[in-house]
Amino acid sequence: MTSKLYKSRSNIESYSELLVLQVPVPLTDNRRRFLVMKWIITECRDNKHRRTHMYEKLSQELLAAFANEGNVVKRKHDLHKMAEANRAYAHYRWW
């Protein structure tokens, strides 16, 4: 069970994020874990099936992430595409 959880998390983890000016910034391990949990919970809450319980939505999202598919993985890929597109602004990072 825990290996599936770690595999799901590693499929979702992003290595960069975009700040206000769309500057790509590398993420720390703690920030990566936080974003993974935030994206999963947000996706489960935004799921339109009102009759299903949160634990069912959560398990469906984790299984989809384990299979490297689903909305959370799509969100990660979209973020990576935006970071790649804004790579020219990386020199604006001053911290």
PDB file of N, CA and C in Angstrom:
ATOM      1  N   MET A   1       0.822  -1.195   0.000  1.00  0.00           N
ATOM      2  CA  MET A   1       0.000   0.000   0.000  1.00  0.00           C
ATOM      3  C   MET A   1       0.863   1.255   0.000  1.00  0.00           C
ATOM      4  N   THR A   2       1.885   1.286   0.851  1.00  0.00           N
ATOM      5  CA  THR A   2       2.701   2.496   0.919  1.00  0.00           C
ATOM      6  C   THR A   2       3.515   2.698  -0.348  1.00  0.00           C
ATOM      7  N   SER A   3       3.905   1.606  -1.009  1.00  0.00           N
ATOM      8  CA  SER A   3       4.662   1.775  -2.246  1.00  0.00           C
ATOM      9  C   SER A   3       3.785   2.403  -3.331  1.00  0.00           C
ATOM     10  N   LYS A   4       2.498   2.069  -3.357  1.00  0.00           N
ATOM     11  CA  LYS A   4       1.593   2.698  -4.317  1.00  0.00           C
ATOM     12  C   LYS A   4       1.426   4.178  -3.995  1.00  0.00           C
ATOM     13  N   LEU A   5       1.381   4.507  -2.705  1.00  0.00           N
ATOM     14  CA  LEU A   5       1.253   5.900  -2.302  1.00  0.00           C
ATOM     15  C   LEU A   5       2.479   6.694  -2.734  1.00  0.00           C
ATOM     16  N   TYR A   6       3.664   6.149  -2.509  1.00  0.00           N
ATOM     17  CA  TYR A   6       4.892   6.844  -2.899  1.00  0.00           C
ATOM     18  C   TYR A   6       5.010   6.946  -4.412  1.00  0.00           C
ATOM     19  N   LYS A   7       4.603   5.908  -5.133  1.00  0.00           N
ATOM     20  CA  LYS A   7       4.638   5.936  -6.594  1.00  0.00           C
ATOM     21  C   LYS A   7       3.662   6.985  -7.119  1.00  0.00           C
ATOM     22  N   SER A   8       2.481   7.074  -6.515  1.00  0.00           N
ATOM     23  CA  SER A   8       1.499   8.079  -6.911  1.00  0.00           C
ATOM     24  C   SER A   8       2.047   9.474  -6.669  1.00  0.00           C
ATOM     25  N   ARG A   9       2.664   9.661  -5.508  1.00  0.00           N
ATOM     26  CA  ARG A   9       3.221  10.971  -5.174  1.00  0.00           C
ATOM     27  C   ARG A   9       4.340  11.352  -6.131  1.00  0.00           C
ATOM     28  N   SER A  10       5.186  10.387  -6.472  1.00  0.00           N
ATOM     29  CA  SER A  10       6.299  10.705  -7.370  1.00  0.00           C
ATOM     30  C   SER A  10       5.807  11.005  -8.785  1.00  0.00           C
ATOM     31  N   ASN A  11       4.671  10.445  -9.186  1.00  0.00           N
ATOM     32  CA  ASN A  11       4.109  10.758 -10.498  1.00  0.00           C
ATOM     33  C   ASN A  11       3.537  12.170 -10.550  1.00  0.00           C
ATOM     34  N   ILE A  12       3.172  12.719  -9.408  1.00  0.00           N
ATOM     35  CA  ILE A  12       2.555  14.039  -9.359  1.00  0.00           C
ATOM     36  C   ILE A  12       3.575  15.139  -9.094  1.00  0.00           C
ATOM     37  N   GLU A  13       4.660  14.834  -8.386  1.00  0.00           N
ATOM     38  CA  GLU A  13       5.605  15.854  -7.941  1.00  0.00           C
ATOM     39  C   GLU A  13       6.142  16.687  -9.088  1.00  0.00           C
ATOM     40  N   SER A  14       6.159  17.976  -8.861  1.00  0.00           N
ATOM     41  CA  SER A  14       6.718  18.911  -9.820  1.00  0.00           C
ATOM     42  C   SER A  14       8.092  19.339  -9.322  1.00  0.00           C
ATOM     43  N   TYR A  15       8.941  19.741 -10.226  1.00  0.00           N
ATOM     44  CA  TYR A  15      10.279  20.159  -9.836  1.00  0.00           C
ATOM     45  C   TYR A  15      10.465  21.663  -9.914  1.00  0.00           C
ATOM     46  N   SER A  16       9.460  22.366 -10.371  1.00  0.00           N
ATOM     47  CA  SER A  16       9.538  23.820 -10.422  1.00  0.00           C
ATOM     48  C   SER A  16       8.127  24.378 -10.294  1.00  0.00           C
ATOM     49  N   GLU A  17       8.073  25.668  -9.973  1.00  0.00           N
ATOM     50  CA  GLU A  17       6.789  26.350  -9.945  1.00  0.00           C
ATOM     51  C   GLU A  17       6.989  27.750 -10.482  1.00  0.00           C
ATOM     52  N   LEU A  18       5.912  28.403 -10.851  1.00  0.00           N
ATOM     53  CA  LEU A  18       5.973  29.744 -11.398  1.00  0.00           C
ATOM     54  C   LEU A  18       5.467  30.724 -10.358  1.00  0.00           C
ATOM     55  N   LEU A  19       6.212  31.787 -10.140  1.00  0.00           N
ATOM     56  CA  LEU A  19       5.813  32.801  -9.180  1.00  0.00           C
ATOM     57  C   LEU A  19       5.015  33.892  -9.886  1.00  0.00           C
ATOM     58  N   VAL A  20       4.806  35.017  -9.230  1.00  0.00           N
ATOM     59  CA  VAL A  20       3.932  36.069  -9.738  1.00  0.00           C
ATOM     60  C   VAL A  20       4.347  36.535 -11.135  1.00  0.00           C
ATOM     61  N   LEU A  21       5.625  36.699 -11.365  1.00  0.00           N
ATOM     62  CA  LEU A  21       6.100  37.156 -12.664  1.00  0.00           C
ATOM     63  C   LEU A  21       6.308  36.008 -13.635  1.00  0.00           C
ATOM     64  N   GLN A  22       5.794  34.834 -13.336  1.00  0.00           N
ATOM     65  CA  GLN A  22       5.942  33.635 -14.151  1.00  0.00           C
ATOM     66  C   GLN A  22       7.409  33.253 -14.306  1.00  0.00           C
ATOM     67  N   VAL A  23       8.166  33.413 -13.207  1.00  0.00           N
ATOM     68  CA  VAL A  23       9.576  33.044 -13.194  1.00  0.00           C
ATOM     69  C   VAL A  23       9.681  31.621 -12.668  1.00  0.00           C
ATOM     70  N   PRO A  24      10.243  30.691 -13.434  1.00  0.00           N
ATOM     71  CA  PRO A  24      10.381  29.320 -12.937  1.00  0.00           C
ATOM     72  C   PRO A  24      11.389  29.248 -11.796  1.00  0.00           C
ATOM     73  N   VAL A  25      10.990  28.598 -10.710  1.00  0.00           N
ATOM     74  CA  VAL A  25      11.817  28.484  -9.513  1.00  0.00           C
ATOM     75  C   VAL A  25      11.859  27.016  -9.106  1.00  0.00           C
ATOM     76  N   PRO A  26      13.044  26.465  -8.821  1.00  0.00           N
ATOM     77  CA  PRO A  26      13.099  25.074  -8.353  1.00  0.00           C
ATOM     78  C   PRO A  26      12.445  24.931  -6.981  1.00  0.00           C
ATOM     79  N   LEU A  27      11.867  23.768  -6.737  1.00  0.00           N
ATOM     80  CA  LEU A  27      11.148  23.520  -5.490  1.00  0.00           C
ATOM     81  C   LEU A  27      11.980  22.688  -4.529  1.00  0.00           C
ATOM     82  N   THR A  28      11.797  22.946  -3.239  1.00  0.00           N
ATOM     83  CA  THR A  28      12.400  22.095  -2.220  1.00  0.00           C
ATOM     84  C   THR A  28      11.530  20.855  -2.050  1.00  0.00           C
ATOM     85  N   ASP A  29      12.061  19.861  -1.349  1.00  0.00           N
ATOM     86  CA  ASP A  29      11.289  18.631  -1.138  1.00  0.00           C
ATOM     87  C   ASP A  29      10.010  18.893  -0.346  1.00  0.00           C
ATOM     88  N   ASN A  30      10.094  19.731   0.680  1.00  0.00           N
ATOM     89  CA  ASN A  30       8.901  20.022   1.483  1.00  0.00           C
ATOM     90  C   ASN A  30       7.834  20.739   0.660  1.00  0.00           C
ATOM     91  N   ARG A  31       8.249  21.681  -0.162  1.00  0.00           N
ATOM     92  CA  ARG A  31       7.293  22.410  -0.998  1.00  0.00           C
ATOM     93  C   ARG A  31       6.651  21.471  -2.018  1.00  0.00           C
ATOM     94  N   ARG A  32       7.445  20.532  -2.559  1.00  0.00           N
ATOM     95  CA  ARG A  32       6.905  19.547  -3.503  1.00  0.00           C
ATOM     96  C   ARG A  32       5.824  18.709  -2.856  1.00  0.00           C
ATOM     97  N   ARG A  33       6.111  18.202  -1.646  1.00  0.00           N
ATOM     98  CA  ARG A  33       5.119  17.373  -0.941  1.00  0.00           C
ATOM     99  C   ARG A  33       3.858  18.168  -0.647  1.00  0.00           C
ATOM    100  N   PHE A  34       4.030  19.433  -0.234  1.00  0.00           N
ATOM    101  CA  PHE A  34       2.885  20.281   0.057  1.00  0.00           C
ATOM    102  C   PHE A  34       2.022  20.478  -1.188  1.00  0.00           C
ATOM    103  N   LEU A  35       2.658  20.772  -2.327  1.00  0.00           N
ATOM    104  CA  LEU A  35       1.893  20.983  -3.553  1.00  0.00           C
ATOM    105  C   LEU A  35       1.167  19.722  -3.994  1.00  0.00           C
ATOM    106  N   VAL A  36       1.800  18.563  -3.830  1.00  0.00           N
ATOM    107  CA  VAL A  36       1.147  17.298  -4.186  1.00  0.00           C
ATOM    108  C   VAL A  36      -0.133  17.124  -3.382  1.00  0.00           C
ATOM    109  N   MET A  37      -0.047  17.282  -2.072  1.00  0.00           N
ATOM    110  CA  MET A  37      -1.230  17.107  -1.223  1.00  0.00           C
ATOM    111  C   MET A  37      -2.287  18.169  -1.524  1.00  0.00           C
ATOM    112  N   LYS A  38      -1.847  19.393  -1.755  1.00  0.00           N
ATOM    113  CA  LYS A  38      -2.791  20.470  -2.059  1.00  0.00           C
ATOM    114  C   LYS A  38      -3.524  20.199  -3.368  1.00  0.00           C
ATOM    115  N   TRP A  39      -2.793  19.772  -4.403  1.00  0.00           N
ATOM    116  CA  TRP A  39      -3.417  19.488  -5.691  1.00  0.00           C
ATOM    117  C   TRP A  39      -4.390  18.325  -5.590  1.00  0.00           C
ATOM    118  N   ILE A  40      -4.021  17.276  -4.844  1.00  0.00           N
ATOM    119  CA  ILE A  40      -4.906  16.115  -4.710  1.00  0.00           C
ATOM    120  C   ILE A  40      -6.187  16.506  -3.983  1.00  0.00           C
ATOM    121  N   ILE A  41      -6.063  17.219  -2.878  1.00  0.00           N
ATOM    122  CA  ILE A  41      -7.244  17.615  -2.099  1.00  0.00           C
ATOM    123  C   ILE A  41      -8.124  18.562  -2.908  1.00  0.00           C
ATOM    124  N   THR A  42      -7.508  19.507  -3.601  1.00  0.00           N
ATOM    125  CA  THR A  42      -8.281  20.441  -4.423  1.00  0.00           C
ATOM    126  C   THR A  42      -9.032  19.707  -5.527  1.00  0.00           C
ATOM    127  N   GLU A  43      -8.371  18.762  -6.153  1.00  0.00           N
ATOM    128  CA  GLU A  43      -9.016  17.999  -7.226  1.00  0.00           C
ATOM    129  C   GLU A  43     -10.162  17.154  -6.679  1.00  0.00           C
ATOM    130  N   CYS A  44      -9.989  16.590  -5.494  1.00  0.00           N
ATOM    131  CA  CYS A  44     -11.065  15.796  -4.891  1.00  0.00           C
ATOM    132  C   CYS A  44     -12.252  16.676  -4.523  1.00  0.00           C
ATOM    133  N   ARG A  45     -11.984  17.872  -4.039  1.00  0.00           N
ATOM    134  CA  ARG A  45     -13.076  18.780  -3.686  1.00  0.00           C
ATOM    135  C   ARG A  45     -13.800  19.298  -4.918  1.00  0.00           C
ATOM    136  N   ASP A  46     -13.063  19.519  -5.997  1.00  0.00           N
ATOM    137  CA  ASP A  46     -13.672  20.033  -7.219  1.00  0.00           C
ATOM    138  C   ASP A  46     -14.402  18.963  -8.012  1.00  0.00           C
ATOM    139  N   ASN A  47     -14.221  17.711  -7.630  1.00  0.00           N
ATOM    140  CA  ASN A  47     -14.897  16.612  -8.303  1.00  0.00           C
ATOM    141  C   ASN A  47     -16.404  16.801  -8.138  1.00  0.00           C
ATOM    142  N   LYS A  48     -17.137  16.732  -9.225  1.00  0.00           N
ATOM    143  CA  LYS A  48     -18.559  17.090  -9.214  1.00  0.00           C
ATOM    144  C   LYS A  48     -19.484  16.015  -8.656  1.00  0.00           C
ATOM    145  N   HIS A  49     -18.968  14.844  -8.356  1.00  0.00           N
ATOM    146  CA  HIS A  49     -19.819  13.774  -7.834  1.00  0.00           C
ATOM    147  C   HIS A  49     -20.093  14.022  -6.353  1.00  0.00           C
ATOM    148  N   ARG A  50     -21.238  14.562  -6.054  1.00  0.00           N
ATOM    149  CA  ARG A  50     -21.591  14.929  -4.679  1.00  0.00           C
ATOM    150  C   ARG A  50     -21.918  13.711  -3.814  1.00  0.00           C
ATOM    151  N   ARG A  51     -22.345  12.639  -4.417  1.00  0.00           N
ATOM    152  CA  ARG A  51     -22.784  11.472  -3.649  1.00  0.00           C
ATOM    153  C   ARG A  51     -21.626  10.610  -3.164  1.00  0.00           C
ATOM    154  N   THR A  52     -20.457  10.759  -3.738  1.00  0.00           N
ATOM    155  CA  THR A  52     -19.327   9.928  -3.318  1.00  0.00           C
ATOM    156  C   THR A  52     -18.619  10.572  -2.139  1.00  0.00           C
ATOM    157  N   HIS A  53     -18.094   9.744  -1.285  1.00  0.00           N
ATOM    158  CA  HIS A  53     -17.394  10.216  -0.097  1.00  0.00           C
ATOM    159  C   HIS A  53     -15.997  10.691  -0.463  1.00  0.00           C
ATOM    160  N   MET A  54     -15.436  11.502   0.427  1.00  0.00           N
ATOM    161  CA  MET A  54     -14.111  12.063   0.174  1.00  0.00           C
ATOM    162  C   MET A  54     -13.056  10.962   0.076  1.00  0.00           C
ATOM    163  N   TYR A  55     -13.167   9.932   0.911  1.00  0.00           N
ATOM    164  CA  TYR A  55     -12.157   8.876   0.867  1.00  0.00           C
ATOM    165  C   TYR A  55     -12.210   8.107  -0.449  1.00  0.00           C
ATOM    166  N   GLU A  56     -13.409   8.009  -1.058  1.00  0.00           N
ATOM    167  CA  GLU A  56     -13.514   7.355  -2.363  1.00  0.00           C
ATOM    168  C   GLU A  56     -12.886   8.216  -3.458  1.00  0.00           C
ATOM    169  N   LYS A  57     -13.148   9.522  -3.401  1.00  0.00           N
ATOM    170  CA  LYS A  57     -12.544  10.431  -4.376  1.00  0.00           C
ATOM    171  C   LYS A  57     -11.026  10.426  -4.244  1.00  0.00           C
ATOM    172  N   LEU A  58     -10.559  10.417  -3.000  1.00  0.00           N
ATOM    173  CA  LEU A  58      -9.121  10.420  -2.743  1.00  0.00           C
ATOM    174  C   LEU A  58      -8.470   9.149  -3.269  1.00  0.00           C
ATOM    175  N   SER A  59      -9.115   8.015  -3.032  1.00  0.00           N
ATOM    176  CA  SER A  59      -8.544   6.755  -3.525  1.00  0.00           C
ATOM    177  C   SER A  59      -8.552   6.704  -5.052  1.00  0.00           C
ATOM    178  N   GLN A  60      -9.597   7.233  -5.681  1.00  0.00           N
ATOM    179  CA  GLN A  60      -9.632   7.268  -7.145  1.00  0.00           C
ATOM    180  C   GLN A  60      -8.529   8.157  -7.705  1.00  0.00           C
ATOM    181  N   GLU A  61      -8.293   9.303  -7.073  1.00  0.00           N
ATOM    182  CA  GLU A  61      -7.238  10.213  -7.531  1.00  0.00           C
ATOM    183  C   GLU A  61      -5.867   9.587  -7.352  1.00  0.00           C
ATOM    184  N   LEU A  62      -5.656   8.899  -6.226  1.00  0.00           N
ATOM    185  CA  LEU A  62      -4.354   8.271  -5.989  1.00  0.00           C
ATOM    186  C   LEU A  62      -4.109   7.125  -6.966  1.00  0.00           C
ATOM    187  N   LEU A  63      -5.139   6.354  -7.270  1.00  0.00           N
ATOM    188  CA  LEU A  63      -4.977   5.278  -8.247  1.00  0.00           C
ATOM    189  C   LEU A  63      -4.726   5.832  -9.649  1.00  0.00           C
ATOM    190  N   ALA A  64      -5.376   6.930  -9.978  1.00  0.00           N
ATOM    191  CA  ALA A  64      -5.124   7.558 -11.278  1.00  0.00           C
ATOM    192  C   ALA A  64      -3.699   8.102 -11.341  1.00  0.00           C
ATOM    193  N   ALA A  65      -3.225   8.672 -10.241  1.00  0.00           N
ATOM    194  CA  ALA A  65      -1.849   9.175 -10.200  1.00  0.00           C
ATOM    195  C   ALA A  65      -0.853   8.027 -10.258  1.00  0.00           C
ATOM    196  N   PHE A  66      -1.194   6.909  -9.652  1.00  0.00           N
ATOM    197  CA  PHE A  66      -0.321   5.733  -9.703  1.00  0.00           C
ATOM    198  C   PHE A  66      -0.168   5.243 -11.140  1.00  0.00           C
ATOM    199  N   ALA A  67      -1.250   5.346 -11.908  1.00  0.00           N
ATOM    200  CA  ALA A  67      -1.222   4.945 -13.316  1.00  0.00           C
ATOM    201  C   ALA A  67      -0.682   6.061 -14.210  1.00  0.00           C
ATOM    202  N   ASN A  68      -0.235   7.156 -13.603  1.00  0.00           N
ATOM    203  CA  ASN A  68       0.332   8.308 -14.311  1.00  0.00           C
ATOM    204  C   ASN A  68      -0.693   8.936 -15.260  1.00  0.00           C
ATOM    205  N   GLU A  69      -1.917   9.067 -14.770  1.00  0.00           N
ATOM    206  CA  GLU A  69      -2.979   9.721 -15.528  1.00  0.00           C
ATOM    207  C   GLU A  69      -3.872  10.448 -14.541  1.00  0.00           C
ATOM    208  N   GLY A  70      -4.825  11.191 -15.028  1.00  0.00           N
ATOM    209  CA  GLY A  70      -5.734  11.926 -14.167  1.00  0.00           C
ATOM    210  C   GLY A  70      -5.469  13.420 -14.223  1.00  0.00           C
ATOM    211  N   ASN A  71      -6.337  14.169 -13.555  1.00  0.00           N
ATOM    212  CA  ASN A  71      -6.263  15.628 -13.607  1.00  0.00           C
ATOM    213  C   ASN A  71      -5.058  16.194 -12.871  1.00  0.00           C
ATOM    214  N   VAL A  72      -4.635  15.547 -11.801  1.00  0.00           N
ATOM    215  CA  VAL A  72      -3.499  16.057 -11.035  1.00  0.00           C
ATOM    216  C   VAL A  72      -2.213  15.917 -11.839  1.00  0.00           C
ATOM    217  N   VAL A  73      -2.046  14.808 -12.522  1.00  0.00           N
ATOM    218  CA  VAL A  73      -0.857  14.610 -13.358  1.00  0.00           C
ATOM    219  C   VAL A  73      -0.892  15.579 -14.539  1.00  0.00           C
ATOM    220  N   LYS A  74      -2.089  15.826 -15.082  1.00  0.00           N
ATOM    221  CA  LYS A  74      -2.226  16.801 -16.163  1.00  0.00           C
ATOM    222  C   LYS A  74      -1.836  18.187 -15.670  1.00  0.00           C
ATOM    223  N   ARG A  75      -2.210  18.502 -14.448  1.00  0.00           N
ATOM    224  CA  ARG A  75      -1.855  19.796 -13.867  1.00  0.00           C
ATOM    225  C   ARG A  75      -0.341  19.948 -13.749  1.00  0.00           C
ATOM    226  N   LYS A  76       0.336  18.865 -13.356  1.00  0.00           N
ATOM    227  CA  LYS A  76       1.797  18.893 -13.261  1.00  0.00           C
ATOM    228  C   LYS A  76       2.419  19.118 -14.632  1.00  0.00           C
ATOM    229  N   HIS A  77       1.921  18.407 -15.643  1.00  0.00           N
ATOM    230  CA  HIS A  77       2.463  18.560 -16.996  1.00  0.00           C
ATOM    231  C   HIS A  77       2.230  19.975 -17.532  1.00  0.00           C
ATOM    232  N   ASP A  78       1.067  20.547 -17.237  1.00  0.00           N
ATOM    233  CA  ASP A  78       0.792  21.921 -17.661  1.00  0.00           C
ATOM    234  C   ASP A  78       1.751  22.904 -16.990  1.00  0.00           C
ATOM    235  N   LEU A  79       2.024  22.687 -15.711  1.00  0.00           N
ATOM    236  CA  LEU A  79       2.959  23.554 -14.996  1.00  0.00           C
ATOM    237  C   LEU A  79       4.358  23.447 -15.586  1.00  0.00           C
ATOM    238  N   HIS A  80       4.781  22.241 -15.927  1.00  0.00           N
ATOM    239  CA  HIS A  80       6.104  22.054 -16.521  1.00  0.00           C
ATOM    240  C   HIS A  80       6.186  22.717 -17.902  1.00  0.00           C
ATOM    241  N   LYS A  81       5.094  22.657 -18.674  1.00  0.00           N
ATOM    242  CA  LYS A  81       5.079  23.322 -19.978  1.00  0.00           C
ATOM    243  C   LYS A  81       5.205  24.833 -19.817  1.00  0.00           C
ATOM    244  N   MET A  82       4.487  25.390 -18.837  1.00  0.00           N
ATOM    245  CA  MET A  82       4.566  26.829 -18.603  1.00  0.00           C
ATOM    246  C   MET A  82       5.951  27.231 -18.117  1.00  0.00           C
ATOM    247  N   ALA A  83       6.557  26.415 -17.259  1.00  0.00           N
ATOM    248  CA  ALA A  83       7.904  26.717 -16.772  1.00  0.00           C
ATOM    249  C   ALA A  83       8.908  26.672 -17.919  1.00  0.00           C
ATOM    250  N   GLU A  84       8.746  25.715 -18.813  1.00  0.00           N
ATOM    251  CA  GLU A  84       9.634  25.623 -19.979  1.00  0.00           C
ATOM    252  C   GLU A  84       9.433  26.817 -20.905  1.00  0.00           C
ATOM    253  N   ALA A  85       8.187  27.246 -21.075  1.00  0.00           N
ATOM    254  CA  ALA A  85       7.908  28.391 -21.938  1.00  0.00           C
ATOM    255  C   ALA A  85       8.465  29.685 -21.349  1.00  0.00           C
ATOM    256  N   ASN A  86       8.495  29.797 -20.033  1.00  0.00           N
ATOM    257  CA  ASN A  86       8.979  31.009 -19.364  1.00  0.00           C
ATOM    258  C   ASN A  86      10.415  30.877 -18.882  1.00  0.00           C
ATOM    259  N   ARG A  87      11.141  29.957 -19.443  1.00  0.00           N
ATOM    260  CA  ARG A  87      12.530  29.739 -19.042  1.00  0.00           C
ATOM    261  C   ARG A  87      13.391  30.978 -19.292  1.00  0.00           C
ATOM    262  N   ALA A  88      13.018  31.795 -20.249  1.00  0.00           N
ATOM    263  CA  ALA A  88      13.785  33.002 -20.563  1.00  0.00           C
ATOM    264  C   ALA A  88      13.768  34.003 -19.411  1.00  0.00           C
ATOM    265  N   TYR A  89      12.776  33.908 -18.531  1.00  0.00           N
ATOM    266  CA  TYR A  89      12.683  34.840 -17.408  1.00  0.00           C
ATOM    267  C   TYR A  89      13.414  34.349 -16.170  1.00  0.00           C
ATOM    268  N   ALA A  90      14.140  33.264 -16.272  1.00  0.00           N
ATOM    269  CA  ALA A  90      14.810  32.687 -15.104  1.00  0.00           C
ATOM    270  C   ALA A  90      15.856  33.626 -14.528  1.00  0.00           C
ATOM    271  N   HIS A  91      16.408  34.508 -15.332  1.00  0.00           N
ATOM    272  CA  HIS A  91      17.426  35.426 -14.817  1.00  0.00           C
ATOM    273  C   HIS A  91      16.824  36.509 -13.922  1.00  0.00           C
ATOM    274  N   TYR A  92      15.501  36.638 -13.866  1.00  0.00           N
ATOM    275  CA  TYR A  92      14.854  37.590 -12.973  1.00  0.00           C
ATOM    276  C   TYR A  92      14.824  37.110 -11.529  1.00  0.00           C
ATOM    277  N   ARG A  93      15.175  35.880 -11.314  1.00  0.00           N
ATOM    278  CA  ARG A  93      15.159  35.333  -9.956  1.00  0.00           C
ATOM    279  C   ARG A  93      16.347  35.888  -9.189  1.00  0.00           C
ATOM    280  N   TRP A  94      16.105  36.571  -8.076  1.00  0.00           N
ATOM    281  CA  TRP A  94      17.195  37.216  -7.355  1.00  0.00           C
ATOM    282  C   TRP A  94      17.402  36.660  -5.953  1.00  0.00           C
ATOM    283  N   TRP A  95      16.738  35.613  -5.563  1.00  0.00           N
ATOM    284  CA  TRP A  95      16.939  35.047  -4.234  1.00  0.00           C
ATOM    285  C   TRP A  95      17.487  33.664  -4.310  1.00  0.00           C
TER     286      TRP A  95
END
